[in-house]
Amino acid sequence: MSARINPLLGLPFEPAVESLGPQHWDVVKAASFPLSRLRFRNDALLQQLGLDAASISDADFEAAYGRFEARTPLLALRYHGYQFGTYNPCLGDGRGFLYGQLRDRHGALHDLGSKGSGTTPWSRGGDGRLTLKGGVRELIASEALHRLGVTTSRTLSLVETGEELWRGDEPSPTRSSVMVRLARTHLRFGTCERLLYLRKPQQLEQLLRHVVAVYYPHLALAHPATGKAGAVPQLLAFYGELVERVAQLAAEWMVAGFTHGVLNTDNMSLAGESFDYGPFAFLDTWDPGFTAAYFDQSGLYAYGQQPLICHQNLRLLQEPLAMLLPRPDLEVRLERFAPTYDRHYRHCLMRRLGFEATAGAPIDGGGACSGDGSGDRPDLVPLTLQLLAAWPVAYGSFFAALADRIATGGLPPEPDALAPFLVGAVEPPHRPWQDWRDGWWAWSHGLSSEQQAAIPTSLRRWNLPLTPVRAEVERLWEAIDQRDDWQPLQDWLALIR
């Protein structure tokens, strides 16, 4: 009888980044750990990759993503970045690596990347490890963001590794872990910035053509690059679409009430996806000055600053791109950011309020919306923000309570029937509440009966029953830390699914 083969060790990996050449990466070796105990596995991602989750055991995960058996080469990627406004040429994958690249069942290429798997040439004196709390936090963030419709990397697995780690920002010693994430790419703005620093325009062009071919294939078809001059239209189209993707991503974060915390250019994906958001936090109450990272003393990366910072990072990306492309043409494409952000913010906020397909008008336009079929209905977006700014109610709970109210009580027949729906909360200020209430009622009752019937579904789909604000994350972690009780985390994951 033949020995059983671990399905995770026989995946059809592709050497996409590897084929770019060793100037972009270093071959590394994973650390050996005293323990490999699976704490989380994402069976939904296994299905996305075309795998039968039932055929993959926990021991298979531990062998592949805890002990890293039979997998070579492992690559630590090289990059630079602007960190809190200061350029740092000494970056790179310092506690993880690119495990491999493979296609999902739809043909899209994805990265499997580790975090906490050991030291690399870019560890800069660090131990190359990830605390278990850090892994749990990223798991919570990635699942919450995905559930809220935010473009994000996902956590595939979390393995506890049995070491004691010492950290200045956690009670120590603390437990260790290795996380494996699924992301579209780990190529970053900082990957391009490194090639400017080294004055390598040919390598940059090779990199960008690779990015277009893999992550923007429609642009490769629309703008086939033949010769150096032929690359210009394709790469300009790439930058223009990246601007739009990042603008949409910023809008998704803002509507989700999510603060990334470290929007350095080395944490900005060339595919326009959320990743590397270590000190994240979700809003408690609506507050543009809210910060996630305790070390962000100036509020540079505060919640309300995120669109501006994303715009600035896109402008910084023009520096390396200008080795290949005319800067005025790059600036023209950067102008797409604001209108794209406005449209997508409106779309995402309106669907959280129960209304799909409402993008069109600027979010601060006031008065009647235009271009979205709203007729004379009031603009619900500024009314919602005005209410949340005036009412110290939990941001996520506001939407969850609206979803619960409509799911249990149905659409109110009159505006007055939609009473303040947060039991035990501070009463809302009368005028902002009344304006919002009347606006929401006008929107809901201006729809067809079929559209009205879809409102509860939309509210349930685009809102979390329980948002993982700091206190909730600490509650989930305390059960693990104090009692090794993973059930509260499992219950929360089941709740948001």
Foldseek 3Di string as FASTA:
>chain_A
DDDDDAPVLPADFDCLVVVLDCVFWDFDDFDAFPDWAWDDADVVVCVQQVHDSVVHDRVSCSVCFVGVPNFDGWIWGAFWWQWVNRTGRLAILAQKTFRGWDATPVGAIKTKIKAQGAGDPRNVPDGSWDFLLLVLVVQQVQLLLVLQVAFAKHWRTKIWGPDFDDDPVDPGRGTTIMTIIIGSDLDFLRSLVNCVVVVPLVSSLVVQVSCCVRQVVVLCVVQPADPLVSCAVSSLVLLLVLLLLLLLNLLSCLLQQKQLQTPMRSQADSNSGHDDSRQMFGFFFDDQQAHRDPPPVVSCRGSVCPLVSSLVSSVVSVSSVVVRYPVVSSVVSSVVNQLSNQQSNLQSNVLLLQAHQQGDAGLPPWFAGPPRPRPRQTRLNVLVVVQRVQFSGTSQVQSLQSLVCCVPPNQDPDLVVPAPRDPPGDHTDPPSVSSNSVRSNSRLVVDDPVSNVRRSVSNLSNGANDRCGPVNSVVQVCCCRVPVDNVVVVVRSVRSD
